[in-house]
Amino acid sequence: ADAAPPHRRRTRAFLDWETEGAALDPAWARLRD
């Protein structure tokens, strides 16, 4: 129940790759999700 839906997991995985794991603004990350 607490796992992110597949589309959010894919988006986060892409952002982790693209940003090389850089910390993102939490509000922006929530909006992106």
Full PDB file with SEQRES, HELIX, SHEET, SSBOND, CRYST1, ORIGX, SCALE, CONECT and MASTER records, all heavy atoms in Angstrom:
SEQRES   1 A   33  ALA ASP ALA ALA PRO PRO HIS ARG ARG ARG THR ARG ALA          
SEQRES   2 A   33  PHE LEU ASP TRP GLU THR GLU GLY ALA ALA LEU ASP PRO          
SEQRES   3 A   33  ALA TRP ALA ARG LEU ARG ASP                                  
HELIX    1 AA1 PRO A    6  GLU A   18  1                                  13    
HELIX    2 AA2 PRO A   26  ARG A   32  1                                   7    
CRYST1    1.000    1.000    1.000  90.00  90.00  90.00 P 1           1          
ORIGX1      1.000000  0.000000  0.000000        0.00000                         
ORIGX2      0.000000  1.000000  0.000000        0.00000                         
ORIGX3      0.000000  0.000000  1.000000        0.00000                         
SCALE1      1.000000  0.000000  0.000000        0.00000                         
SCALE2      0.000000  1.000000  0.000000        0.00000                         
SCALE3      0.000000  0.000000  1.000000        0.00000                         
ATOM      1  N   ALA A   1       0.816  -1.224   0.000  1.00  0.00           N  
ATOM      2  CA  ALA A   1       0.000   0.000   0.000  1.00  0.00           C  
ATOM      3  C   ALA A   1       0.839   1.259   0.000  1.00  0.00           C  
ATOM      4  O   ALA A   1       0.443   2.274  -0.568  1.00  0.00           O  
ATOM      5  CB  ALA A   1      -0.940  -0.014   1.199  1.00  0.00           C  
ATOM      6  N   ASP A   2       2.023   1.222   0.610  1.00  0.00           N  
ATOM      7  CA  ASP A   2       2.840   2.431   0.686  1.00  0.00           C  
ATOM      8  C   ASP A   2       3.841   2.544  -0.456  1.00  0.00           C  
ATOM      9  O   ASP A   2       4.638   3.470  -0.508  1.00  0.00           O  
ATOM     10  CB  ASP A   2       3.570   2.509   2.036  1.00  0.00           C  
ATOM     11  CG  ASP A   2       4.514   1.340   2.245  1.00  0.00           C  
ATOM     12  OD1 ASP A   2       4.391   0.326   1.527  1.00  0.00           O  
ATOM     13  OD2 ASP A   2       5.380   1.453   3.141  1.00  0.00           O  
ATOM     14  N   ALA A   3       3.830   1.614  -1.408  1.00  0.00           N  
ATOM     15  CA  ALA A   3       4.762   1.654  -2.535  1.00  0.00           C  
ATOM     16  C   ALA A   3       4.269   2.642  -3.585  1.00  0.00           C  
ATOM     17  O   ALA A   3       3.071   2.817  -3.794  1.00  0.00           O  
ATOM     18  CB  ALA A   3       4.893   0.265  -3.160  1.00  0.00           C  
ATOM     19  N   ALA A   4       5.217   3.285  -4.237  1.00  0.00           N  
ATOM     20  CA  ALA A   4       4.861   4.238  -5.286  1.00  0.00           C  
ATOM     21  C   ALA A   4       4.328   3.488  -6.506  1.00  0.00           C  
ATOM     22  O   ALA A   4       4.798   2.396  -6.817  1.00  0.00           O  
ATOM     23  CB  ALA A   4       6.088   5.048  -5.681  1.00  0.00           C  
ATOM     24  N   PRO A   5       3.326   4.057  -7.189  1.00  0.00           N  
ATOM     25  CA  PRO A   5       2.829   3.432  -8.417  1.00  0.00           C  
ATOM     26  C   PRO A   5       3.953   3.319  -9.453  1.00  0.00           C  
ATOM     27  O   PRO A   5       4.930   4.051  -9.387  1.00  0.00           O  
ATOM     28  CB  PRO A   5       1.748   4.399  -8.894  1.00  0.00           C  
ATOM     29  CG  PRO A   5       1.370   5.196  -7.694  1.00  0.00           C  
ATOM     30  CD  PRO A   5       2.608   5.267  -6.845  1.00  0.00           C  
ATOM     31  N   PRO A   6       3.813   2.391 -10.420  1.00  0.00           N  
ATOM     32  CA  PRO A   6       4.886   2.172 -11.396  1.00  0.00           C  
ATOM     33  C   PRO A   6       5.333   3.444 -12.122  1.00  0.00           C  
ATOM     34  O   PRO A   6       6.515   3.654 -12.330  1.00  0.00           O  
ATOM     35  CB  PRO A   6       4.292   1.162 -12.376  1.00  0.00           C  
ATOM     36  CG  PRO A   6       3.182   0.513 -11.642  1.00  0.00           C  
ATOM     37  CD  PRO A   6       2.684   1.507 -10.651  1.00  0.00           C  
ATOM     38  N   HIS A   7       4.384   4.311 -12.504  1.00  0.00           N  
ATOM     39  CA  HIS A   7       4.772   5.512 -13.246  1.00  0.00           C  
ATOM     40  C   HIS A   7       5.630   6.429 -12.384  1.00  0.00           C  
ATOM     41  O   HIS A   7       6.543   7.073 -12.875  1.00  0.00           O  
ATOM     42  CB  HIS A   7       3.547   6.248 -13.792  1.00  0.00           C  
ATOM     43  CG  HIS A   7       2.506   6.534 -12.763  1.00  0.00           C  
ATOM     44  ND1 HIS A   7       1.525   5.616 -12.441  1.00  0.00           N  
ATOM     45  CD2 HIS A   7       2.291   7.601 -11.961  1.00  0.00           C  
ATOM     46  CE1 HIS A   7       0.757   6.112 -11.486  1.00  0.00           C  
ATOM     47  NE2 HIS A   7       1.195   7.304 -11.173  1.00  0.00           N  
ATOM     48  N   ARG A   8       5.360   6.491 -11.088  1.00  0.00           N  
ATOM     49  CA  ARG A   8       6.180   7.312 -10.185  1.00  0.00           C  
ATOM     50  C   ARG A   8       7.551   6.684  -9.995  1.00  0.00           C  
ATOM     51  O   ARG A   8       8.553   7.386  -9.951  1.00  0.00           O  
ATOM     52  CB  ARG A   8       5.480   7.508  -8.854  1.00  0.00           C  
ATOM     53  CG  ARG A   8       4.294   8.436  -8.967  1.00  0.00           C  
ATOM     54  CD  ARG A   8       3.685   8.715  -7.616  1.00  0.00           C  
ATOM     55  NE  ARG A   8       2.509   9.553  -7.790  1.00  0.00           N  
ATOM     56  CZ  ARG A   8       1.574   9.690  -6.883  1.00  0.00           C  
ATOM     57  NH1 ARG A   8       1.670   9.067  -5.721  1.00  0.00           N  
ATOM     58  NH2 ARG A   8       0.532  10.460  -7.113  1.00  0.00           N  
ATOM     59  N   ARG A   9       7.589   5.371  -9.879  1.00  0.00           N  
ATOM     60  CA  ARG A   9       8.887   4.693  -9.720  1.00  0.00           C  
ATOM     61  C   ARG A   9       9.758   4.936 -10.953  1.00  0.00           C  
ATOM     62  O   ARG A   9      10.951   5.199 -10.830  1.00  0.00           O  
ATOM     63  CB  ARG A   9       8.694   3.198  -9.483  1.00  0.00           C  
ATOM     64  CG  ARG A   9       8.203   2.860  -8.088  1.00  0.00           C  
ATOM     65  CD  ARG A   9       8.372   1.381  -7.779  1.00  0.00           C  
ATOM     66  NE  ARG A   9       7.811   0.490  -8.776  1.00  0.00           N  
ATOM     67  CZ  ARG A   9       6.577   0.007  -8.747  1.00  0.00           C  
ATOM     68  NH1 ARG A   9       5.753   0.341  -7.780  1.00  0.00           N  
ATOM     69  NH2 ARG A   9       6.167  -0.811  -9.684  1.00  0.00           N  
ATOM     70  N   ARG A  10       9.158   4.847 -12.147  1.00  0.00           N  
ATOM     71  CA  ARG A  10       9.932   5.078 -13.368  1.00  0.00           C  
ATOM     72  C   ARG A  10      10.440   6.510 -13.424  1.00  0.00           C  
ATOM     73  O   ARG A  10      11.585   6.756 -13.791  1.00  0.00           O  
ATOM     74  CB  ARG A  10       9.084   4.759 -14.605  1.00  0.00           C  
ATOM     75  CG  ARG A  10       8.898   3.280 -14.833  1.00  0.00           C  
ATOM     76  CD  ARG A  10       8.304   2.996 -16.203  1.00  0.00           C  
ATOM     77  NE  ARG A  10       7.034   3.648 -16.430  1.00  0.00           N  
ATOM     78  CZ  ARG A  10       5.843   3.129 -16.168  1.00  0.00           C  
ATOM     79  NH1 ARG A  10       5.751   1.927 -15.653  1.00  0.00           N  
ATOM     80  NH2 ARG A  10       4.736   3.785 -16.425  1.00  0.00           N  
ATOM     81  N   THR A  11       9.583   7.472 -13.066  1.00  0.00           N  
ATOM     82  CA  THR A  11       9.983   8.875 -13.081  1.00  0.00           C  
ATOM     83  C   THR A  11      11.115   9.120 -12.086  1.00  0.00           C  
ATOM     84  O   THR A  11      12.104   9.774 -12.407  1.00  0.00           O  
ATOM     85  CB  THR A  11       8.783   9.782 -12.741  1.00  0.00           C  
ATOM     86  OG1 THR A  11       7.793   9.595 -13.742  1.00  0.00           O  
ATOM     87  CG2 THR A  11       9.176  11.242 -12.708  1.00  0.00           C  
ATOM     88  N   ARG A  12      10.964   8.563 -10.893  1.00  0.00           N  
ATOM     89  CA  ARG A  12      12.021   8.747  -9.882  1.00  0.00           C  
ATOM     90  C   ARG A  12      13.318   8.090 -10.320  1.00  0.00           C  
ATOM     91  O   ARG A  12      14.405   8.627 -10.109  1.00  0.00           O  
ATOM     92  CB  ARG A  12      11.569   8.186  -8.538  1.00  0.00           C  
ATOM     93  CG  ARG A  12      10.516   9.037  -7.879  1.00  0.00           C  
ATOM     94  CD  ARG A  12      10.071   8.420  -6.590  1.00  0.00           C  
ATOM     95  NE  ARG A  12       8.922   9.130  -6.041  1.00  0.00           N  
ATOM     96  CZ  ARG A  12       8.188   8.672  -5.050  1.00  0.00           C  
ATOM     97  NH1 ARG A  12       8.478   7.521  -4.486  1.00  0.00           N  
ATOM     98  NH2 ARG A  12       7.169   9.368  -4.618  1.00  0.00           N  
ATOM     99  N   ALA A  13      13.233   6.902 -10.917  1.00  0.00           N  
ATOM    100  CA  ALA A  13      14.441   6.218 -11.384  1.00  0.00           C  
ATOM    101  C   ALA A  13      15.139   7.060 -12.455  1.00  0.00           C  
ATOM    102  O   ALA A  13      16.367   7.194 -12.460  1.00  0.00           O  
ATOM    103  CB  ALA A  13      14.094   4.836 -11.929  1.00  0.00           C  
ATOM    104  N   PHE A  14      14.356   7.626 -13.375  1.00  0.00           N  
ATOM    105  CA  PHE A  14      14.943   8.490 -14.401  1.00  0.00           C  
ATOM    106  C   PHE A  14      15.600   9.712 -13.773  1.00  0.00           C  
ATOM    107  O   PHE A  14      16.729  10.071 -14.111  1.00  0.00           O  
ATOM    108  CB  PHE A  14      13.885   8.934 -15.419  1.00  0.00           C  
ATOM    109  CG  PHE A  14      14.402   9.978 -16.354  1.00  0.00           C  
ATOM    110  CD1 PHE A  14      15.272   9.639 -17.380  1.00  0.00           C  
ATOM    111  CD2 PHE A  14      14.059  11.308 -16.192  1.00  0.00           C  
ATOM    112  CE1 PHE A  14      15.783  10.601 -18.237  1.00  0.00           C  
ATOM    113  CE2 PHE A  14      14.561  12.277 -17.045  1.00  0.00           C  
ATOM    114  CZ  PHE A  14      15.427  11.923 -18.071  1.00  0.00           C  
ATOM    115  N   LEU A  15      14.908  10.360 -12.834  1.00  0.00           N  
ATOM    116  CA  LEU A  15      15.475  11.551 -12.192  1.00  0.00           C  
ATOM    117  C   LEU A  15      16.732  11.207 -11.399  1.00  0.00           C  
ATOM    118  O   LEU A  15      17.700  11.976 -11.404  1.00  0.00           O  
ATOM    119  CB  LEU A  15      14.444  12.221 -11.289  1.00  0.00           C  
ATOM    120  CG  LEU A  15      13.288  12.899 -12.011  1.00  0.00           C  
ATOM    121  CD1 LEU A  15      12.263  13.418 -11.007  1.00  0.00           C  
ATOM    122  CD2 LEU A  15      13.780  14.027 -12.895  1.00  0.00           C  
ATOM    123  N   ASP A  16      16.736  10.063 -10.731  1.00  0.00           N  
ATOM    124  CA  ASP A  16      17.944   9.644 -10.011  1.00  0.00           C  
ATOM    125  C   ASP A  16      19.109   9.456 -10.976  1.00  0.00           C  
ATOM    126  O   ASP A  16      20.235   9.836 -10.689  1.00  0.00           O  
ATOM    127  CB  ASP A  16      17.701   8.347  -9.232  1.00  0.00           C  
ATOM    128  CG  ASP A  16      16.902   8.566  -7.961  1.00  0.00           C  
ATOM    129  OD1 ASP A  16      16.798   9.729  -7.512  1.00  0.00           O  
ATOM    130  OD2 ASP A  16      16.383   7.576  -7.418  1.00  0.00           O  
ATOM    131  N   TRP A  17      18.826   8.851 -12.147  1.00  0.00           N  
ATOM    132  CA  TRP A  17      19.872   8.670 -13.150  1.00  0.00           C  
ATOM    133  C   TRP A  17      20.343  10.022 -13.674  1.00  0.00           C  
ATOM    134  O   TRP A  17      21.530  10.308 -13.707  1.00  0.00           O  
ATOM    135  CB  TRP A  17      19.348   7.815 -14.313  1.00  0.00           C  
ATOM    136  CG  TRP A  17      20.285   7.823 -15.482  1.00  0.00           C  
ATOM    137  CD1 TRP A  17      21.416   7.075 -15.633  1.00  0.00           C  
ATOM    138  CD2 TRP A  17      20.188   8.640 -16.655  1.00  0.00           C  
ATOM    139  NE1 TRP A  17      22.026   7.385 -16.827  1.00  0.00           N  
ATOM    140  CE2 TRP A  17      21.294   8.340 -17.475  1.00  0.00           C  
ATOM    141  CE3 TRP A  17      19.279   9.602 -17.094  1.00  0.00           C  
ATOM    142  CZ2 TRP A  17      21.501   8.956 -18.701  1.00  0.00           C  
ATOM    143  CZ3 TRP A  17      19.494  10.219 -18.313  1.00  0.00           C  
ATOM    144  CH2 TRP A  17      20.598   9.893 -19.112  1.00  0.00           C  
ATOM    145  N   GLU A  18      19.403  10.866 -14.077  1.00  0.00           N  
ATOM    146  CA  GLU A  18      19.751  12.133 -14.717  1.00  0.00           C  
ATOM    147  C   GLU A  18      20.457  13.076 -13.762  1.00  0.00           C  
ATOM    148  O   GLU A  18      21.365  13.793 -14.151  1.00  0.00           O  
ATOM    149  CB  GLU A  18      18.492  12.794 -15.282  1.00  0.00           C  
ATOM    150  CG  GLU A  18      18.753  13.800 -16.374  1.00  0.00           C  
ATOM    151  CD  GLU A  18      19.294  15.121 -15.866  1.00  0.00           C  
ATOM    152  OE1 GLU A  18      18.872  15.568 -14.797  1.00  0.00           O  
ATOM    153  OE2 GLU A  18      20.153  15.704 -16.537  1.00  0.00           O  
ATOM    154  N   THR A  19      20.057  13.105 -12.514  1.00  0.00           N  
ATOM    155  CA  THR A  19      20.645  14.045 -11.551  1.00  0.00           C  
ATOM    156  C   THR A  19      21.819  13.436 -10.802  1.00  0.00           C  
ATOM    157  O   THR A  19      22.400  14.081  -9.931  1.00  0.00           O  
ATOM    158  CB  THR A  19      19.603  14.511 -10.521  1.00  0.00           C  
ATOM    159  OG1 THR A  19      19.169  13.386  -9.762  1.00  0.00           O  
ATOM    160  CG2 THR A  19      18.421  15.193 -11.182  1.00  0.00           C  
ATOM    161  N   GLU A  20      22.149  12.184 -11.131  1.00  0.00           N  
ATOM    162  CA  GLU A  20      23.217  11.465 -10.442  1.00  0.00           C  
ATOM    163  C   GLU A  20      22.970  11.458  -8.935  1.00  0.00           C  
ATOM    164  O   GLU A  20      23.873  11.618  -8.127  1.00  0.00           O  
ATOM    165  CB  GLU A  20      24.582  12.062 -10.788  1.00  0.00           C  
ATOM    166  CG  GLU A  20      24.901  11.921 -12.259  1.00  0.00           C  
ATOM    167  CD  GLU A  20      26.193  12.598 -12.676  1.00  0.00           C  
ATOM    168  OE1 GLU A  20      26.716  13.445 -11.935  1.00  0.00           O  
ATOM    169  OE2 GLU A  20      26.684  12.252 -13.757  1.00  0.00           O  
ATOM    170  N   GLY A  21      21.693  11.297  -8.562  1.00  0.00           N  
ATOM    171  CA  GLY A  21      21.317  11.196  -7.164  1.00  0.00           C  
ATOM    172  C   GLY A  21      21.299  12.504  -6.396  1.00  0.00           C  
ATOM    173  O   GLY A  21      21.198  12.497  -5.176  1.00  0.00           O  
ATOM    174  N   ALA A  22      21.369  13.637  -7.088  1.00  0.00           N  
ATOM    175  CA  ALA A  22      21.352  14.941  -6.400  1.00  0.00           C  
ATOM    176  C   ALA A  22      20.036  15.117  -5.655  1.00  0.00           C  
ATOM    177  O   ALA A  22      18.988  14.641  -6.089  1.00  0.00           O  
ATOM    178  CB  ALA A  22      21.524  16.077  -7.412  1.00  0.00           C  
ATOM    179  N   ALA A  23      20.118  15.803  -4.537  1.00  0.00           N  
ATOM    180  CA  ALA A  23      18.899  16.093  -3.774  1.00  0.00           C  
ATOM    181  C   ALA A  23      18.028  17.052  -4.573  1.00  0.00           C  
ATOM    182  O   ALA A  23      18.525  18.025  -5.139  1.00  0.00           O  
ATOM    183  CB  ALA A  23      19.266  16.709  -2.425  1.00  0.00           C  
ATOM    184  N   LEU A  24      16.750  16.770  -4.631  1.00  0.00           N  
ATOM    185  CA  LEU A  24      15.805  17.626  -5.347  1.00  0.00           C  
ATOM    186  C   LEU A  24      14.949  18.367  -4.336  1.00  0.00           C  
ATOM    187  O   LEU A  24      14.713  17.889  -3.229  1.00  0.00           O  
ATOM    188  CB  LEU A  24      14.915  16.787  -6.264  1.00  0.00           C  
ATOM    189  CG  LEU A  24      15.635  15.992  -7.345  1.00  0.00           C  
ATOM    190  CD1 LEU A  24      14.632  15.113  -8.086  1.00  0.00           C  
ATOM    191  CD2 LEU A  24      16.341  16.916  -8.313  1.00  0.00           C  
ATOM    192  N   ASP A  25      14.464  19.517  -4.734  1.00  0.00           N  
ATOM    193  CA  ASP A  25      13.544  20.271  -3.900  1.00  0.00           C  
ATOM    194  C   ASP A  25      12.348  19.361  -3.610  1.00  0.00           C  
ATOM    195  O   ASP A  25      11.697  18.870  -4.540  1.00  0.00           O  
ATOM    196  CB  ASP A  25      13.116  21.525  -4.666  1.00  0.00           C  
ATOM    197  CG  ASP A  25      12.124  22.384  -3.916  1.00  0.00           C  
ATOM    198  OD1 ASP A  25      11.326  21.846  -3.130  1.00  0.00           O  
ATOM    199  OD2 ASP A  25      12.142  23.601  -4.127  1.00  0.00           O  
ATOM    200  N   PRO A  26      12.040  19.104  -2.342  1.00  0.00           N  
ATOM    201  CA  PRO A  26      10.942  18.183  -2.020  1.00  0.00           C  
ATOM    202  C   PRO A  26       9.598  18.598  -2.610  1.00  0.00           C  
ATOM    203  O   PRO A  26       8.829  17.756  -3.060  1.00  0.00           O  
ATOM    204  CB  PRO A  26      10.887  18.203  -0.490  1.00  0.00           C  
ATOM    205  CG  PRO A  26      12.234  18.685  -0.054  1.00  0.00           C  
ATOM    206  CD  PRO A  26      12.722  19.601  -1.150  1.00  0.00           C  
ATOM    207  N   ALA A  27       9.306  19.892  -2.650  1.00  0.00           N  
ATOM    208  CA  ALA A  27       8.032  20.349  -3.221  1.00  0.00           C  
ATOM    209  C   ALA A  27       7.999  20.060  -4.720  1.00  0.00           C  
ATOM    210  O   ALA A  27       6.983  19.633  -5.269  1.00  0.00           O  
ATOM    211  CB  ALA A  27       7.824  21.833  -2.947  1.00  0.00           C  
ATOM    212  N   TRP A  28       9.128  20.292  -5.414  1.00  0.00           N  
ATOM    213  CA  TRP A  28       9.190  20.026  -6.853  1.00  0.00           C  
ATOM    214  C   TRP A  28       9.059  18.531  -7.110  1.00  0.00           C  
ATOM    215  O   TRP A  28       8.340  18.104  -8.012  1.00  0.00           O  
ATOM    216  CB  TRP A  28      10.495  20.565  -7.451  1.00  0.00           C  
ATOM    217  CG  TRP A  28      10.567  20.356  -8.920  1.00  0.00           C  
ATOM    218  CD1 TRP A  28      10.108  21.195  -9.890  1.00  0.00           C  
ATOM    219  CD2 TRP A  28      11.108  19.218  -9.607  1.00  0.00           C  
ATOM    220  NE1 TRP A  28      10.329  20.641 -11.133  1.00  0.00           N  
ATOM    221  CE2 TRP A  28      10.939  19.426 -10.979  1.00  0.00           C  
ATOM    222  CE3 TRP A  28      11.713  18.044  -9.190  1.00  0.00           C  
ATOM    223  CZ2 TRP A  28      11.357  18.526 -11.945  1.00  0.00           C  
ATOM    224  CZ3 TRP A  28      12.127  17.126 -10.152  1.00  0.00           C  
ATOM    225  CH2 TRP A  28      11.947  17.375 -11.509  1.00  0.00           C  
ATOM    226  N   ALA A  29       9.737  17.718  -6.307  1.00  0.00           N  
ATOM    227  CA  ALA A  29       9.673  16.267  -6.488  1.00  0.00           C  
ATOM    228  C   ALA A  29       8.246  15.759  -6.277  1.00  0.00           C  
ATOM    229  O   ALA A  29       7.778  14.894  -7.016  1.00  0.00           O  
ATOM    230  CB  ALA A  29      10.641  15.581  -5.525  1.00  0.00           C  
ATOM    231  N   ARG A  30       7.555  16.309  -5.286  1.00  0.00           N  
ATOM    232  CA  ARG A  30       6.160  15.913  -5.026  1.00  0.00           C  
ATOM    233  C   ARG A  30       5.275  16.315  -6.212  1.00  0.00           C  
ATOM    234  O   ARG A  30       4.425  15.539  -6.660  1.00  0.00           O  
ATOM    235  CB  ARG A  30       5.681  16.566  -3.731  1.00  0.00           C  
ATOM    236  CG  ARG A  30       4.483  15.911  -3.125  1.00  0.00           C  
ATOM    237  CD  ARG A  30       4.180  16.382  -1.703  1.00  0.00           C  
ATOM    238  NE  ARG A  30       4.216  17.830  -1.522  1.00  0.00           N  
ATOM    239  CZ  ARG A  30       5.190  18.507  -0.894  1.00  0.00           C  
ATOM    240  NH1 ARG A  30       6.233  17.882  -0.392  1.00  0.00           N  
ATOM    241  NH2 ARG A  30       5.134  19.816  -0.778  1.00  0.00           N  
ATOM    242  N   LEU A  31       5.491  17.518  -6.750  1.00  0.00           N  
ATOM    243  CA  LEU A  31       4.735  17.970  -7.921  1.00  0.00           C  
ATOM    244  C   LEU A  31       5.014  17.060  -9.115  1.00  0.00           C  
ATOM    245  O   LEU A  31       4.102  16.674  -9.847  1.00  0.00           O  
ATOM    246  CB  LEU A  31       5.092  19.422  -8.254  1.00  0.00           C  
ATOM    247  CG  LEU A  31       4.455  20.002  -9.511  1.00  0.00           C  
ATOM    248  CD1 LEU A  31       2.938  20.070  -9.357  1.00  0.00           C  
ATOM    249  CD2 LEU A  31       5.024  21.387  -9.806  1.00  0.00           C  
ATOM    250  N   ARG A  32       6.266  16.677  -9.302  1.00  0.00           N  
ATOM    251  CA  ARG A  32       6.638  15.802 -10.416  1.00  0.00           C  
ATOM    252  C   ARG A  32       5.962  14.437 -10.246  1.00  0.00           C  
ATOM    253  O   ARG A  32       5.488  13.848 -11.204  1.00  0.00           O  
ATOM    254  CB  ARG A  32       8.165  15.656 -10.476  1.00  0.00           C  
ATOM    255  CG  ARG A  32       8.666  14.835 -11.622  1.00  0.00           C  
ATOM    256  CD  ARG A  32       8.319  15.502 -12.946  1.00  0.00           C  
ATOM    257  NE  ARG A  32       8.483  14.553 -14.013  1.00  0.00           N  
ATOM    258  CZ  ARG A  32       7.483  14.035 -14.719  1.00  0.00           C  
ATOM    259  NH1 ARG A  32       6.254  14.401 -14.502  1.00  0.00           N  
ATOM    260  NH2 ARG A  32       7.708  13.170 -15.664  1.00  0.00           N  
ATOM    261  N   ASP A  33       5.921  13.927  -9.014  1.00  0.00           N  
ATOM    262  CA  ASP A  33       5.236  12.658  -8.765  1.00  0.00           C  
ATOM    263  C   ASP A  33       3.759  12.745  -9.149  1.00  0.00           C  
ATOM    264  O   ASP A  33       3.212  11.842  -9.775  1.00  0.00           O  
ATOM    265  CB  ASP A  33       5.332  12.265  -7.287  1.00  0.00           C  
ATOM    266  CG  ASP A  33       6.681  11.682  -6.915  1.00  0.00           C  
ATOM    267  OD1 ASP A  33       7.485  11.391  -7.823  1.00  0.00           O  
ATOM    268  OD2 ASP A  33       6.917  11.518  -5.699  1.00  0.00           O  
TER     269      ASP A  33                                                      
MASTER        0    0    0    2    0    0    0    6  268    1    0    3          
END                                                                             
